[in-house]
N, C-alpha and C. Protein backbone atom coordinates (compact mmCIF):
# COMPACT_ATOMS: atom_id res chain seq x y z
N MET A 1 0.81 -1.13 -0.03
CA MET A 1 0.05 -0.01 0.08
C MET A 1 0.93 1.21 0.10
N THR A 2 0.50 2.13 -0.82
CA THR A 2 1.11 3.67 -0.73
C THR A 2 0.38 4.48 -0.03
N LEU A 3 0.98 5.28 0.86
CA LEU A 3 0.31 6.44 1.47
C LEU A 3 -0.06 7.54 0.74
N THR A 4 -1.13 8.11 0.90
CA THR A 4 -1.58 9.21 0.25
C THR A 4 -1.66 10.62 1.31
N PRO A 5 -1.68 11.63 0.56
CA PRO A 5 -1.77 13.10 1.62
C PRO A 5 -2.95 12.87 2.39
N THR A 6 -4.10 12.19 1.84
CA THR A 6 -5.25 11.96 2.74
C THR A 6 -4.98 11.19 3.87
N HIS A 7 -4.17 10.07 3.71
CA HIS A 7 -3.78 9.28 4.96
C HIS A 7 -3.01 10.19 5.93
N VAL A 8 -2.02 10.99 5.44
CA VAL A 8 -1.25 11.64 6.08
C VAL A 8 -2.12 12.58 7.09
N ALA A 9 -3.08 13.29 6.33
CA ALA A 9 -3.78 14.15 7.29
C ALA A 9 -4.69 13.48 8.31
N GLU A 10 -5.14 12.25 7.94
CA GLU A 10 -5.96 11.49 8.81
C GLU A 10 -4.98 11.10 10.10
N LEU A 11 -3.71 10.60 9.77
CA LEU A 11 -2.86 10.38 10.91
C LEU A 11 -2.63 11.55 11.79
N ARG A 12 -2.35 12.60 11.13
CA ARG A 12 -2.16 13.86 11.92
C ARG A 12 -3.35 14.25 12.63
N ALA A 13 -4.63 14.04 12.14
CA ALA A 13 -5.83 14.46 13.20
C ALA A 13 -5.98 13.40 14.21
N SER A 14 -5.44 12.18 14.12
CA SER A 14 -5.41 11.44 15.22
C SER A 14 -4.72 11.60 16.35
N VAL A 15 -3.66 12.33 16.27
CA VAL A 15 -2.76 12.84 17.30
C VAL A 15 -3.52 13.79 18.23
N THR A 16 -3.85 13.13 19.39
CA THR A 16 -4.68 14.09 20.34
C THR A 16 -4.06 13.72 21.78
N ARG A 17 -4.58 14.62 22.64
CA ARG A 17 -4.31 14.58 24.04
C ARG A 17 -4.63 13.11 24.42
N SER A 18 -5.78 12.44 24.22
CA SER A 18 -6.05 11.27 24.61
C SER A 18 -5.17 10.17 24.18
N LEU A 19 -4.66 10.34 22.90
CA LEU A 19 -3.80 9.29 22.43
C LEU A 19 -2.41 9.38 23.02
N ARG A 20 -1.79 10.61 23.55
CA ARG A 20 -0.80 10.64 24.34
C ARG A 20 -0.89 10.15 25.72
N SER A 21 -2.11 10.10 26.17
CA SER A 21 -2.51 9.77 27.55
C SER A 21 -2.58 8.23 27.78
N LEU A 22 -2.32 7.44 26.44
CA LEU A 22 -2.52 5.97 26.71
C LEU A 22 -1.11 5.45 27.24
N GLY A 23 -0.08 6.30 27.46
CA GLY A 23 1.00 5.93 28.26
C GLY A 23 2.15 5.37 27.36
N GLY A 24 3.09 4.96 27.85
CA GLY A 24 4.42 4.57 27.07
C GLY A 24 4.11 3.27 26.42
N GLY A 25 3.33 2.27 27.00
CA GLY A 25 3.28 0.99 26.28
C GLY A 25 4.44 0.24 26.57
N VAL A 26 4.76 -0.78 25.75
CA VAL A 26 6.02 -1.65 25.68
C VAL A 26 6.86 -1.03 24.53
N ASP A 27 8.09 -0.64 25.04
CA ASP A 27 9.14 -0.15 24.01
C ASP A 27 10.03 -1.31 23.49
N LEU A 28 9.46 -1.94 22.35
CA LEU A 28 10.32 -3.09 21.70
C LEU A 28 11.60 -2.60 20.94
N GLY A 29 11.78 -1.31 20.75
CA GLY A 29 12.87 -0.95 20.10
C GLY A 29 12.60 -0.68 18.75
N VAL A 30 11.43 -1.16 18.17
CA VAL A 30 11.05 -0.93 16.85
C VAL A 30 9.54 -0.58 16.87
N PRO A 31 9.11 0.25 15.80
CA PRO A 31 7.62 0.57 15.96
C PRO A 31 6.78 -0.80 15.57
N TYR A 32 5.60 -0.67 16.18
CA TYR A 32 4.59 -1.72 15.98
C TYR A 32 3.30 -1.22 16.08
N ILE A 33 2.20 -2.00 15.81
CA ILE A 33 0.98 -1.69 15.60
C ILE A 33 0.10 -2.55 16.79
N LEU A 34 -0.86 -1.84 17.52
CA LEU A 34 -1.67 -2.32 18.51
C LEU A 34 -3.11 -2.15 18.12
N TYR A 35 -3.96 -2.92 18.34
CA TYR A 35 -5.37 -2.83 18.23
C TYR A 35 -6.11 -2.31 19.43
N LEU A 36 -6.77 -1.13 19.45
CA LEU A 36 -7.36 -0.68 20.59
C LEU A 36 -8.92 -0.81 20.53
N PRO A 37 -9.31 -1.98 21.13
CA PRO A 37 -10.82 -2.43 21.03
C PRO A 37 -11.71 -1.20 21.53
N ALA A 38 -11.55 -0.67 22.35
CA ALA A 38 -12.28 0.44 22.84
C ALA A 38 -12.64 1.48 21.82
N ASP A 39 -11.57 1.79 20.98
CA ASP A 39 -11.74 2.81 19.93
C ASP A 39 -12.15 2.09 18.62
N GLY A 40 -11.97 0.78 18.45
CA GLY A 40 -12.08 0.07 17.36
C GLY A 40 -11.06 0.64 15.96
N LEU A 41 -9.85 0.96 16.48
CA LEU A 41 -8.78 1.47 15.74
C LEU A 41 -7.56 0.72 16.01
N PHE A 42 -6.63 0.90 15.08
CA PHE A 42 -5.25 0.57 15.36
C PHE A 42 -4.31 1.56 15.74
N CYS A 43 -3.35 1.31 16.60
CA CYS A 43 -2.45 2.44 17.03
C CYS A 43 -0.98 2.10 16.52
N LEU A 44 -0.31 3.27 16.13
CA LEU A 44 0.93 2.91 15.70
C LEU A 44 1.80 3.38 16.84
N HIS A 45 2.64 2.69 17.30
CA HIS A 45 3.50 2.71 18.51
C HIS A 45 4.92 2.90 18.03
N ALA A 46 5.44 4.08 18.40
CA ALA A 46 6.90 4.02 17.81
C ALA A 46 7.63 5.25 18.82
N TYR A 47 8.89 5.08 18.91
CA TYR A 47 9.80 5.90 19.66
C TYR A 47 9.47 5.94 21.07
N GLY A 48 8.79 4.75 21.50
CA GLY A 48 8.54 4.55 23.09
C GLY A 48 7.16 5.04 23.47
N SER A 49 6.30 5.70 22.38
CA SER A 49 5.00 6.00 22.87
C SER A 49 4.09 5.94 21.70
N PRO A 50 2.70 5.88 22.04
CA PRO A 50 1.78 6.06 20.91
C PRO A 50 1.95 7.11 19.97
N GLN A 51 1.66 6.98 18.78
CA GLN A 51 2.09 8.14 17.66
C GLN A 51 0.85 8.56 16.96
N ALA A 52 0.07 7.65 16.45
CA ALA A 52 -1.14 7.92 15.75
C ALA A 52 -2.16 6.70 15.70
N LYS A 53 -3.34 7.11 15.36
CA LYS A 53 -4.29 5.91 15.27
C LYS A 53 -5.15 6.05 13.86
N HIS A 54 -5.57 4.96 13.43
CA HIS A 54 -6.22 4.82 12.17
C HIS A 54 -7.12 3.54 12.05
N ALA A 55 -8.05 3.73 11.19
CA ALA A 55 -9.05 2.47 11.12
C ALA A 55 -8.53 1.32 10.43
N SER A 56 -7.44 1.58 9.51
CA SER A 56 -6.88 0.75 8.61
C SER A 56 -5.51 0.25 9.03
N ALA A 57 -5.29 -0.87 9.47
CA ALA A 57 -3.83 -1.50 9.69
C ALA A 57 -3.01 -1.38 8.57
N ALA A 58 -3.65 -1.40 7.37
CA ALA A 58 -2.79 -1.40 6.24
C ALA A 58 -2.09 0.01 6.15
N VAL A 59 -2.75 1.18 6.38
CA VAL A 59 -2.04 2.53 6.58
C VAL A 59 -0.93 2.46 7.39
N LEU A 60 -1.21 1.95 8.65
CA LEU A 60 -0.02 2.14 9.70
C LEU A 60 1.04 0.96 9.34
N GLY A 61 0.68 0.02 8.66
CA GLY A 61 1.71 -0.90 8.09
C GLY A 61 2.67 -0.28 7.05
N ALA A 62 1.97 0.44 6.29
CA ALA A 62 2.72 1.22 5.16
C ALA A 62 3.77 2.32 5.86
N CYS A 63 3.24 2.64 7.09
CA CYS A 63 4.14 3.79 7.99
C CYS A 63 5.42 2.89 8.44
N LEU A 64 5.01 1.69 9.00
CA LEU A 64 6.16 0.79 9.39
C LEU A 64 7.07 0.43 8.43
N VAL A 65 6.68 0.14 7.17
CA VAL A 65 7.75 -0.29 6.08
C VAL A 65 8.39 1.01 5.62
N SER A 66 7.91 2.33 5.66
CA SER A 66 8.63 3.22 5.33
C SER A 66 9.65 3.83 6.39
N GLU A 67 9.15 3.58 7.67
CA GLU A 67 10.16 3.96 8.86
C GLU A 67 11.26 2.95 8.70
N ARG A 68 11.11 1.71 8.33
CA ARG A 68 12.23 0.84 8.17
C ARG A 68 13.25 1.25 7.11
N ALA A 69 12.59 1.69 5.99
CA ALA A 69 13.48 2.32 4.89
C ALA A 69 14.09 3.48 5.12
N GLU A 70 13.25 4.32 5.86
CA GLU A 70 13.98 5.60 6.04
C GLU A 70 13.57 6.16 7.63
N PRO A 71 14.42 5.97 8.60
CA PRO A 71 14.24 6.19 9.81
C PRO A 71 13.86 7.67 10.08
N GLY A 72 12.92 7.80 10.94
CA GLY A 72 12.39 9.20 11.08
C GLY A 72 11.12 9.47 10.35
N PHE A 73 10.77 8.54 9.53
CA PHE A 73 9.53 8.74 8.61
C PHE A 73 8.28 9.03 9.41
N ILE A 74 8.05 8.29 10.36
CA ILE A 74 6.88 8.75 11.21
C ILE A 74 6.91 9.81 11.73
N ARG A 75 8.04 10.33 12.18
CA ARG A 75 8.05 11.79 12.99
C ARG A 75 7.75 12.83 11.96
N ARG A 76 8.34 12.68 10.56
CA ARG A 76 8.04 13.55 9.55
C ARG A 76 6.63 13.46 9.22
N VAL A 77 5.90 12.51 8.95
CA VAL A 77 4.61 12.49 8.54
C VAL A 77 3.73 13.09 9.54
N LEU A 78 4.09 12.84 10.84
CA LEU A 78 3.27 13.71 11.81
C LEU A 78 3.64 15.00 12.04
N ASP A 79 4.62 15.55 11.42
CA ASP A 79 5.03 16.91 11.56
C ASP A 79 4.24 17.89 10.85
N THR A 80 3.39 18.56 11.53
CA THR A 80 2.24 19.44 10.79
C THR A 80 3.03 20.63 10.27
N SER A 81 4.29 20.91 10.33
CA SER A 81 4.82 22.10 9.76
C SER A 81 5.24 21.88 8.27
N LEU A 82 5.11 20.59 7.92
CA LEU A 82 5.19 20.06 6.60
C LEU A 82 3.95 19.73 5.81
N ASP A 83 3.85 20.14 4.53
CA ASP A 83 2.81 19.81 3.75
C ASP A 83 2.56 18.38 3.72
N CYS A 84 1.33 17.98 3.72
CA CYS A 84 1.03 16.50 3.79
C CYS A 84 1.51 15.69 2.23
N GLU A 85 1.54 16.59 1.36
CA GLU A 85 2.03 15.94 -0.02
C GLU A 85 3.62 15.81 0.12
N LEU A 86 4.05 16.86 0.54
CA LEU A 86 5.59 17.10 0.39
C LEU A 86 6.09 15.98 1.45
N VAL A 87 5.56 15.44 2.50
CA VAL A 87 6.11 14.50 3.39
C VAL A 87 6.56 13.27 2.69
N LEU A 88 5.59 13.06 1.63
CA LEU A 88 5.72 11.64 1.05
C LEU A 88 6.62 11.71 -0.14
N ARG A 89 7.29 12.71 -0.38
CA ARG A 89 8.27 12.85 -1.34
C ARG A 89 9.70 12.41 -0.86
N ASP A 90 10.40 12.19 -2.02
CA ASP A 90 11.91 11.72 -1.54
C ASP A 90 12.83 12.88 -1.04
N HIS A 91 13.87 12.61 -0.43
CA HIS A 91 14.65 13.41 0.31
C HIS A 91 15.09 14.59 -0.47
N ASP A 92 15.50 14.45 -1.66
CA ASP A 92 16.04 15.53 -2.49
C ASP A 92 15.10 16.43 -2.82
N THR A 93 13.83 15.87 -3.32
CA THR A 93 12.62 16.91 -3.61
C THR A 93 12.21 17.67 -2.44
N ARG A 94 12.04 16.94 -1.36
CA ARG A 94 11.82 17.74 0.02
C ARG A 94 12.82 18.89 0.20
N ALA A 95 14.06 18.63 0.12
CA ALA A 95 15.07 19.55 0.39
C ALA A 95 15.07 20.67 -0.70
N ALA A 96 14.81 20.32 -1.82
CA ALA A 96 14.60 21.41 -2.93
C ALA A 96 13.52 22.20 -2.65
N HIS A 97 12.42 21.84 -2.24
CA HIS A 97 11.11 22.52 -2.10
C HIS A 97 11.55 23.41 -0.75
N ILE A 98 12.07 22.92 0.30
CA ILE A 98 12.35 23.67 1.38
C ILE A 98 13.23 24.85 1.08
N GLN A 99 14.15 24.57 0.26
CA GLN A 99 15.27 25.57 -0.08
C GLN A 99 14.56 26.68 -0.85
N ALA A 100 13.60 26.31 -1.70
CA ALA A 100 13.05 27.28 -2.73
C ALA A 100 12.03 28.17 -1.74
N GLU A 101 11.43 27.45 -0.82
CA GLU A 101 10.46 28.20 0.14
C GLU A 101 11.38 29.25 0.80
N ARG A 102 12.66 28.85 1.44
CA ARG A 102 13.51 29.83 2.05
C ARG A 102 13.91 30.77 1.09
N ASP A 103 14.19 30.63 -0.06
CA ASP A 103 14.68 31.71 -0.93
C ASP A 103 13.46 32.65 -1.15
N ARG A 104 12.29 32.14 -1.58
CA ARG A 104 11.27 33.18 -1.55
C ARG A 104 10.91 33.89 -0.38
N ARG A 105 10.93 33.47 0.91
CA ARG A 105 10.72 34.06 2.02
C ARG A 105 11.86 35.12 2.23
N ASP A 106 13.28 34.75 1.87
CA ASP A 106 14.07 35.78 2.11
C ASP A 106 13.99 36.95 0.97
N GLN A 107 13.59 36.62 -0.31
CA GLN A 107 13.40 37.76 -1.36
C GLN A 107 12.25 38.58 -0.74
N SER A 108 11.26 38.06 -0.19
CA SER A 108 9.92 38.72 0.14
C SER A 108 10.40 39.61 1.46
N LEU A 109 11.21 39.26 2.32
CA LEU A 109 11.60 39.95 3.32
C LEU A 109 12.63 41.11 3.08
N ALA A 110 13.42 40.96 2.07
CA ALA A 110 14.20 41.82 1.41
C ALA A 110 13.44 42.92 0.79
N GLN A 111 12.50 42.56 -0.03
CA GLN A 111 11.51 43.50 -0.62
C GLN A 111 10.64 44.36 0.29
N SER A 112 10.41 43.60 1.32
CA SER A 112 9.49 44.56 2.35
C SER A 112 10.49 45.49 3.14
N ALA A 113 11.85 45.09 3.31
CA ALA A 113 12.53 45.90 3.96
C ALA A 113 13.01 47.26 3.03
N GLU A 114 13.19 46.96 1.84
CA GLU A 114 13.35 48.10 0.89
C GLU A 114 12.05 48.91 0.81
N ALA A 115 11.04 48.38 0.86
CA ALA A 115 9.78 49.30 0.59
C ALA A 115 9.57 50.05 1.90
N GLU A 116 9.82 49.46 3.22
CA GLU A 116 9.75 50.06 4.36
C GLU A 116 10.75 51.25 4.45
N GLU A 117 11.96 51.05 3.98
CA GLU A 117 13.19 52.15 3.88
C GLU A 117 12.77 53.36 3.12
N ALA A 118 11.96 52.98 1.73
CA ALA A 118 11.65 53.96 0.88
C ALA A 118 10.50 54.76 1.50
N ARG A 119 9.47 54.15 2.33
CA ARG A 119 8.50 54.77 2.97
C ARG A 119 8.93 55.79 4.00
N TRP A 120 10.03 55.23 4.66
CA TRP A 120 10.58 56.21 5.81
C TRP A 120 11.40 57.23 5.27
N ALA A 121 12.14 56.96 4.11
CA ALA A 121 12.91 58.16 3.37
C ALA A 121 11.91 59.25 2.80
N ALA A 122 10.76 58.77 2.28
CA ALA A 122 9.74 59.77 1.83
C ALA A 122 9.12 60.53 2.95
N ARG A 123 8.82 59.81 4.12
CA ARG A 123 8.31 60.42 5.19
C ARG A 123 9.32 61.39 5.71
N ARG A 124 10.58 61.21 5.93
CA ARG A 124 11.58 62.26 6.43
C ARG A 124 11.76 63.34 5.46
N SER A 125 11.78 63.08 4.08
CA SER A 125 11.87 64.18 3.23
C SER A 125 10.65 65.11 3.28
N ALA A 126 9.55 64.61 3.67
CA ALA A 126 8.28 65.44 3.58
C ALA A 126 8.30 66.24 4.85
N LEU A 127 9.04 65.95 5.94
CA LEU A 127 8.87 66.54 7.10
C LEU A 127 10.08 67.78 7.00
N ILE A 128 10.94 67.64 6.23
CA ILE A 128 11.99 68.78 5.92
C ILE A 128 11.36 70.16 5.37
N ASP A 129 11.45 71.22 6.15
CA ASP A 129 10.86 72.37 5.75
C ASP A 129 12.15 73.08 4.97
N PRO A 130 12.01 73.10 3.56
CA PRO A 130 13.12 73.78 2.72
C PRO A 130 13.61 75.21 3.03
N ARG A 131 12.51 75.96 3.76
CA ARG A 131 12.77 77.33 4.11
C ARG A 131 13.69 77.31 5.30
N LEU A 132 13.83 76.19 6.12
CA LEU A 132 14.74 76.25 7.32
C LEU A 132 16.02 75.78 7.03
N VAL A 133 16.23 75.45 5.85
CA VAL A 133 17.60 74.68 5.39
C VAL A 133 18.36 75.85 4.85
N GLU A 134 19.62 76.05 5.38
CA GLU A 134 20.65 77.07 4.98
C GLU A 134 21.53 76.30 3.99
N LEU A 135 21.60 76.93 2.82
CA LEU A 135 22.32 76.33 1.75
C LEU A 135 23.80 76.93 1.60
N ASP A 136 24.01 77.99 2.28
CA ASP A 136 25.28 78.66 2.31
C ASP A 136 26.41 77.91 3.18
């Protein structure tokens, strides 16, 4: 099974205070899946604590397979600072996208700073009374 951005969004939505209150569980040293009969859901347990719940064990299984292939995958999938589609891309694509975002942000900040400086320069020049300036 291949994870989709919809699966990622569902996994992120399942991370709640009640999920974290399930306790540490058994730390086997590797991620595993538990069935929670009270919820009728499966729970992904990794890094020593419950991480996410989902109705499909196949979705959580895909997370386990991806975690084995790329350690840290589960943390990245649950990281809400990254786009749901972007987290499923390969490392090089993610790095290029993040760098492009930084470049756009830096360019926007530079343009904002230039515009602000121009506004202040115009304001300062408007406040100068030419009759009070001695040119001699």
